[in-house]
PDB file of all heavy atoms in Angstrom:
ATOM      1  N   ARG A   1     130.611 137.892  81.939  1.00  0.00           N
ATOM      2  CA  ARG A   1     130.609 138.192  83.448  1.00  0.00           C
ATOM      3  C   ARG A   1     129.250 138.750  83.893  1.00  0.00           C
ATOM      4  O   ARG A   1     128.671 138.224  84.944  1.00  0.00           O
ATOM      5  CB  ARG A   1     131.802 138.960  83.845  1.00  0.00           C
ATOM      6  CG  ARG A   1     132.878 138.156  84.551  1.00  0.00           C
ATOM      7  CD  ARG A   1     133.983 139.106  85.059  1.00  0.00           C
ATOM      8  NE  ARG A   1     135.097 139.060  84.082  1.00  0.00           N
ATOM      9  CZ  ARG A   1     135.549 140.062  83.225  1.00  0.00           C
ATOM     10  NH1 ARG A   1     135.132 141.385  83.422  1.00  0.00           N
ATOM     11  NH2 ARG A   1     136.540 139.866  82.473  1.00  0.00           N
ATOM     12  N   SER A   2     128.796 139.782  83.397  1.00  0.00           N
ATOM     13  CA  SER A   2     127.642 140.429  83.766  1.00  0.00           C
ATOM     14  C   SER A   2     126.384 139.511  83.556  1.00  0.00           C
ATOM     15  O   SER A   2     125.472 139.472  84.444  1.00  0.00           O
ATOM     16  CB  SER A   2     127.342 141.766  83.043  1.00  0.00           C
ATOM     17  OG  SER A   2     127.116 141.611  81.740  1.00  0.00           O
ATOM     18  N   SER A   3     126.350 138.806  82.508  1.00  0.00           N
ATOM     19  CA  SER A   3     125.331 137.809  82.201  1.00  0.00           C
ATOM     20  C   SER A   3     125.283 136.737  83.337  1.00  0.00           C
ATOM     21  O   SER A   3     124.234 136.411  83.753  1.00  0.00           O
ATOM     22  CB  SER A   3     125.468 137.138  80.880  1.00  0.00           C
ATOM     23  OG  SER A   3     125.304 138.130  79.909  1.00  0.00           O
ATOM     24  N   LYS A   4     126.438 136.184  83.628  1.00  0.00           N
ATOM     25  CA  LYS A   4     126.669 135.155  84.607  1.00  0.00           C
ATOM     26  C   LYS A   4     126.159 135.597  86.081  1.00  0.00           C
ATOM     27  O   LYS A   4     125.366 135.062  86.711  1.00  0.00           O
ATOM     28  CB  LYS A   4     128.045 134.681  84.749  1.00  0.00           C
ATOM     29  CG  LYS A   4     128.276 133.604  85.753  1.00  0.00           C
ATOM     30  CD  LYS A   4     129.739 133.240  86.044  1.00  0.00           C
ATOM     31  CE  LYS A   4     130.266 134.300  86.936  1.00  0.00           C
ATOM     32  NZ  LYS A   4     131.398 134.149  87.499  1.00  0.00           N
ATOM     33  N   ASP A   5     126.684 136.845  86.308  1.00  0.00           N
ATOM     34  CA  ASP A   5     126.225 137.458  87.570  1.00  0.00           C
ATOM     35  C   ASP A   5     124.629 137.655  87.706  1.00  0.00           C
ATOM     36  O   ASP A   5     123.987 137.373  88.575  1.00  0.00           O
ATOM     37  CB  ASP A   5     126.919 138.843  87.802  1.00  0.00           C
ATOM     38  CG  ASP A   5     128.349 138.603  88.071  1.00  0.00           C
ATOM     39  OD1 ASP A   5     128.771 137.595  88.364  1.00  0.00           O
ATOM     40  OD2 ASP A   5     129.073 139.639  87.888  1.00  0.00           O
ATOM     41  N   ALA A   6     124.154 138.199  86.549  1.00  0.00           N
ATOM     42  CA  ALA A   6     122.641 138.401  86.561  1.00  0.00           C
ATOM     43  C   ALA A   6     121.906 137.040  86.564  1.00  0.00           C
ATOM     44  O   ALA A   6     120.968 136.970  87.270  1.00  0.00           O
ATOM     45  CB  ALA A   6     122.199 139.045  85.265  1.00  0.00           C
ATOM     46  N   LEU A   7     122.441 136.038  85.950  1.00  0.00           N
ATOM     47  CA  LEU A   7     121.770 134.677  85.959  1.00  0.00           C
ATOM     48  C   LEU A   7     121.785 134.069  87.485  1.00  0.00           C
ATOM     49  O   LEU A   7     120.890 133.547  87.870  1.00  0.00           O
ATOM     50  CB  LEU A   7     122.465 133.739  85.066  1.00  0.00           C
ATOM     51  CG  LEU A   7     121.864 132.380  84.949  1.00  0.00           C
ATOM     52  CD1 LEU A   7     120.404 132.493  84.465  1.00  0.00           C
ATOM     53  CD2 LEU A   7     122.586 131.477  83.859  1.00  0.00           C
ATOM     54  N   LEU A   8     123.041 134.227  88.077  1.00  0.00           N
ATOM     55  CA  LEU A   8     123.170 133.718  89.482  1.00  0.00           C
ATOM     56  C   LEU A   8     122.260 134.446  90.480  1.00  0.00           C
ATOM     57  O   LEU A   8     121.726 133.884  91.318  1.00  0.00           O
ATOM     58  CB  LEU A   8     124.590 133.812  89.867  1.00  0.00           C
ATOM     59  CG  LEU A   8     125.595 132.854  89.246  1.00  0.00           C
ATOM     60  CD1 LEU A   8     126.960 133.044  89.749  1.00  0.00           C
ATOM     61  CD2 LEU A   8     125.230 131.472  89.649  1.00  0.00           C
ATOM     62  N   ASP A   9     122.137 135.809  90.253  1.00  0.00           N
ATOM     63  CA  ASP A   9     121.303 136.642  91.133  1.00  0.00           C
ATOM     64  C   ASP A   9     119.776 136.108  90.931  1.00  0.00           C
ATOM     65  O   ASP A   9     119.096 136.044  91.932  1.00  0.00           O
ATOM     66  CB  ASP A   9     121.476 138.115  90.849  1.00  0.00           C
ATOM     67  CG  ASP A   9     122.689 138.674  91.302  1.00  0.00           C
ATOM     68  OD1 ASP A   9     123.388 138.080  92.042  1.00  0.00           O
ATOM     69  OD2 ASP A   9     123.065 139.893  90.783  1.00  0.00           O
ATOM     70  N   LYS A  10     119.441 135.846  89.699  1.00  0.00           N
ATOM     71  CA  LYS A  10     118.024 135.471  89.483  1.00  0.00           C
ATOM     72  C   LYS A  10     117.905 134.084  90.025  1.00  0.00           C
ATOM     73  O   LYS A  10     116.741 133.845  90.735  1.00  0.00           O
ATOM     74  CB  LYS A  10     117.878 135.402  87.887  1.00  0.00           C
ATOM     75  CG  LYS A  10     116.382 135.053  87.604  1.00  0.00           C
ATOM     76  CD  LYS A  10     115.480 136.162  87.954  1.00  0.00           C
ATOM     77  CE  LYS A  10     114.176 135.860  87.393  1.00  0.00           C
ATOM     78  NZ  LYS A  10     113.170 136.904  87.794  1.00  0.00           N
ATOM     79  N   ALA A  11     118.859 133.245  89.974  1.00  0.00           N
ATOM     80  CA  ALA A  11     118.807 131.787  90.476  1.00  0.00           C
ATOM     81  C   ALA A  11     118.574 131.960  92.017  1.00  0.00           C
ATOM     82  O   ALA A  11     117.839 131.200  92.623  1.00  0.00           O
ATOM     83  CB  ALA A  11     119.887 130.810  90.079  1.00  0.00           C
ATOM     84  N   HIS A  12     119.436 132.697  92.671  1.00  0.00           N
ATOM     85  CA  HIS A  12     119.313 132.874  94.072  1.00  0.00           C
ATOM     86  C   HIS A  12     118.084 133.419  94.537  1.00  0.00           C
ATOM     87  O   HIS A  12     117.588 133.096  95.518  1.00  0.00           O
ATOM     88  CB  HIS A  12     120.527 133.681  94.636  1.00  0.00           C
ATOM     89  CG  HIS A  12     121.775 133.011  94.758  1.00  0.00           C
ATOM     90  ND1 HIS A  12     121.961 132.204  95.788  1.00  0.00           N
ATOM     91  CD2 HIS A  12     122.963 132.918  94.146  1.00  0.00           C
ATOM     92  CE1 HIS A  12     123.240 131.575  95.770  1.00  0.00           C
ATOM     93  NE2 HIS A  12     123.693 132.118  94.773  1.00  0.00           N
ATOM     94  N   SER A  13     117.505 134.377  93.746  1.00  0.00           N
ATOM     95  CA  SER A  13     116.273 134.947  94.130  1.00  0.00           C
ATOM     96  C   SER A  13     115.085 134.000  94.054  1.00  0.00           C
ATOM     97  O   SER A  13     114.089 134.028  94.776  1.00  0.00           O
ATOM     98  CB  SER A  13     115.871 136.206  93.378  1.00  0.00           C
ATOM     99  OG  SER A  13     115.510 135.763  91.992  1.00  0.00           O
ATOM    100  N   LEU A  14     115.266 132.919  93.155  1.00  0.00           N
ATOM    101  CA  LEU A  14     114.131 132.021  93.133  1.00  0.00           C
ATOM    102  C   LEU A  14     114.378 130.771  94.000  1.00  0.00           C
ATOM    103  O   LEU A  14     113.474 129.887  94.260  1.00  0.00           O
ATOM    104  CB  LEU A  14     114.166 131.351  91.596  1.00  0.00           C
ATOM    105  CG  LEU A  14     113.799 132.409  90.546  1.00  0.00           C
ATOM    106  CD1 LEU A  14     114.070 131.865  89.151  1.00  0.00           C
ATOM    107  CD2 LEU A  14     112.343 132.879  90.717  1.00  0.00           C
ATOM    108  N   CYS A  15     115.562 130.607  94.573  1.00  0.00           N
ATOM    109  CA  CYS A  15     115.834 129.391  95.348  1.00  0.00           C
ATOM    110  C   CYS A  15     115.579 129.709  96.804  1.00  0.00           C
ATOM    111  O   CYS A  15     115.872 130.826  97.292  1.00  0.00           O
ATOM    112  CB  CYS A  15     117.393 129.213  95.171  1.00  0.00           C
ATOM    113  SG  CYS A  15     118.027 127.657  96.087  1.00  0.00           S
ATOM    114  N   PRO A  16     114.904 128.874  97.441  1.00  0.00           N
ATOM    115  CA  PRO A  16     114.646 129.090  98.892  1.00  0.00           C
ATOM    116  C   PRO A  16     115.908 129.164  99.808  1.00  0.00           C
ATOM    117  O   PRO A  16     116.931 128.546  99.434  1.00  0.00           O
ATOM    118  CB  PRO A  16     113.855 127.819  99.342  1.00  0.00           C
ATOM    119  CG  PRO A  16     113.480 127.160  98.123  1.00  0.00           C
ATOM    120  CD  PRO A  16     114.375 127.646  97.025  1.00  0.00           C
ATOM    121  N   GLN A  17     115.957 130.109 100.676  1.00  0.00           N
ATOM    122  CA  GLN A  17     117.252 130.336 101.516  1.00  0.00           C
ATOM    123  C   GLN A  17     117.642 129.019 102.179  1.00  0.00           C
ATOM    124  O   GLN A  17     118.804 128.818 102.388  1.00  0.00           O
ATOM    125  CB  GLN A  17     116.964 131.412 102.480  1.00  0.00           C
ATOM    126  CG  GLN A  17     118.189 131.869 103.210  1.00  0.00           C
ATOM    127  CD  GLN A  17     118.128 133.112 104.016  1.00  0.00           C
ATOM    128  OE1 GLN A  17     116.967 133.632 104.119  1.00  0.00           O
ATOM    129  NE2 GLN A  17     119.147 133.370 104.736  1.00  0.00           N
ATOM    130  N   LEU A  18     116.618 128.146 102.497  1.00  0.00           N
ATOM    131  CA  LEU A  18     117.026 126.875 103.187  1.00  0.00           C
ATOM    132  C   LEU A  18     117.856 125.939 102.305  1.00  0.00           C
ATOM    133  O   LEU A  18     118.942 125.420 102.755  1.00  0.00           O
ATOM    134  CB  LEU A  18     115.800 126.212 103.498  1.00  0.00           C
ATOM    135  CG  LEU A  18     115.912 124.799 104.366  1.00  0.00           C
ATOM    136  CD1 LEU A  18     116.558 125.169 105.697  1.00  0.00           C
ATOM    137  CD2 LEU A  18     114.591 124.188 104.602  1.00  0.00           C
ATOM    138  N   LEU A  19     117.647 125.938 101.091  1.00  0.00           N
ATOM    139  CA  LEU A  19     118.435 125.130 100.144  1.00  0.00           C
ATOM    140  C   LEU A  19     119.755 125.786  99.723  1.00  0.00           C
ATOM    141  O   LEU A  19     120.804 125.172  99.475  1.00  0.00           O
ATOM    142  CB  LEU A  19     117.765 124.724  98.986  1.00  0.00           C
ATOM    143  CG  LEU A  19     116.398 123.847  99.199  1.00  0.00           C
ATOM    144  CD1 LEU A  19     115.715 123.582  97.756  1.00  0.00           C
ATOM    145  CD2 LEU A  19     116.872 122.584  99.766  1.00  0.00           C
ATOM    146  N   CYS A  20     119.634 127.184  99.348  1.00  0.00           N
ATOM    147  CA  CYS A  20     120.716 127.779  98.662  1.00  0.00           C
ATOM    148  C   CYS A  20     121.673 128.497  99.710  1.00  0.00           C
ATOM    149  O   CYS A  20     122.762 128.867  99.351  1.00  0.00           O
ATOM    150  CB  CYS A  20     120.166 128.777  97.578  1.00  0.00           C
ATOM    151  SG  CYS A  20     119.477 128.016  96.234  1.00  0.00           S
ATOM    152  N   GLY A  21     121.227 128.888 100.832  1.00  0.00           N
ATOM    153  CA  GLY A  21     121.878 129.628 101.801  1.00  0.00           C
ATOM    154  C   GLY A  21     121.768 131.042 101.466  1.00  0.00           C
ATOM    155  O   GLY A  21     121.154 131.482 100.532  1.00  0.00           O
ATOM    156  N   PRO A  22     122.454 131.952 102.328  1.00  0.00           N
ATOM    157  CA  PRO A  22     122.287 133.363 102.151  1.00  0.00           C
ATOM    158  C   PRO A  22     123.043 133.752 100.798  1.00  0.00           C
ATOM    159  O   PRO A  22     124.067 133.112 100.380  1.00  0.00           O
ATOM    160  CB  PRO A  22     122.930 133.913 103.303  1.00  0.00           C
ATOM    161  CG  PRO A  22     123.510 132.802 104.137  1.00  0.00           C
ATOM    162  CD  PRO A  22     123.116 131.600 103.519  1.00  0.00           C
ATOM    163  N   LYS A  23     122.642 134.888 100.205  1.00  0.00           N
ATOM    164  CA  LYS A  23     123.281 135.393  99.010  1.00  0.00           C
ATOM    165  C   LYS A  23     124.664 135.750  99.212  1.00  0.00           C
ATOM    166  O   LYS A  23     125.432 135.730  98.196  1.00  0.00           O
ATOM    167  CB  LYS A  23     122.368 136.470  98.461  1.00  0.00           C
ATOM    168  CG  LYS A  23     121.086 136.254  97.762  1.00  0.00           C
ATOM    169  CD  LYS A  23     120.497 137.590  97.257  1.00  0.00           C
ATOM    170  CE  LYS A  23     119.778 137.425  96.079  1.00  0.00           C
ATOM    171  NZ  LYS A  23     119.021 138.637  95.602  1.00  0.00           N
ATOM    172  N   ASP A  24     124.989 136.184 100.285  1.00  0.00           N
ATOM    173  CA  ASP A  24     126.405 136.872 100.536  1.00  0.00           C
ATOM    174  C   ASP A  24     127.449 135.728 100.393  1.00  0.00           C
ATOM    175  O   ASP A  24     128.580 136.248 100.356  1.00  0.00           O
ATOM    176  CB  ASP A  24     126.357 137.504 102.066  1.00  0.00           C
ATOM    177  CG  ASP A  24     125.232 138.229 102.375  1.00  0.00           C
ATOM    178  OD1 ASP A  24     124.304 138.245 101.570  1.00  0.00           O
ATOM    179  OD2 ASP A  24     125.269 138.887 103.431  1.00  0.00           O
ATOM    180  N   LEU A  25     127.200 134.626 100.316  1.00  0.00           N
ATOM    181  CA  LEU A  25     128.416 133.638 100.317  1.00  0.00           C
ATOM    182  C   LEU A  25     129.186 133.423  99.042  1.00  0.00           C
ATOM    183  O   LEU A  25     129.918 132.595  98.947  1.00  0.00           O
ATOM    184  CB  LEU A  25     127.821 132.230 100.731  1.00  0.00           C
ATOM    185  CG  LEU A  25     127.273 132.128 102.238  1.00  0.00           C
ATOM    186  CD1 LEU A  25     126.745 130.940 102.537  1.00  0.00           C
ATOM    187  CD2 LEU A  25     128.352 132.723 103.172  1.00  0.00           C
ATOM    188  N   ASP A  26     128.748 134.158  97.985  1.00  0.00           N
ATOM    189  CA  ASP A  26     129.431 133.947  96.623  1.00  0.00           C
ATOM    190  C   ASP A  26     130.739 134.433  96.785  1.00  0.00           C
ATOM    191  O   ASP A  26     131.574 134.987  96.701  1.00  0.00           O
ATOM    192  CB  ASP A  26     128.666 134.831  95.595  1.00  0.00           C
ATOM    193  CG  ASP A  26     127.335 134.013  95.098  1.00  0.00           C
ATOM    194  OD1 ASP A  26     127.201 132.886  95.472  1.00  0.00           O
ATOM    195  OD2 ASP A  26     126.414 134.925  94.531  1.00  0.00           O
TER     196      ASP A  26
END
């Protein structure tokens, strides 16, 4: 779980907001 969360956070930080949307939507 913590690895998945860390990986998703990293992916969101690399993804432009226009494509991925805001981080809060998880």
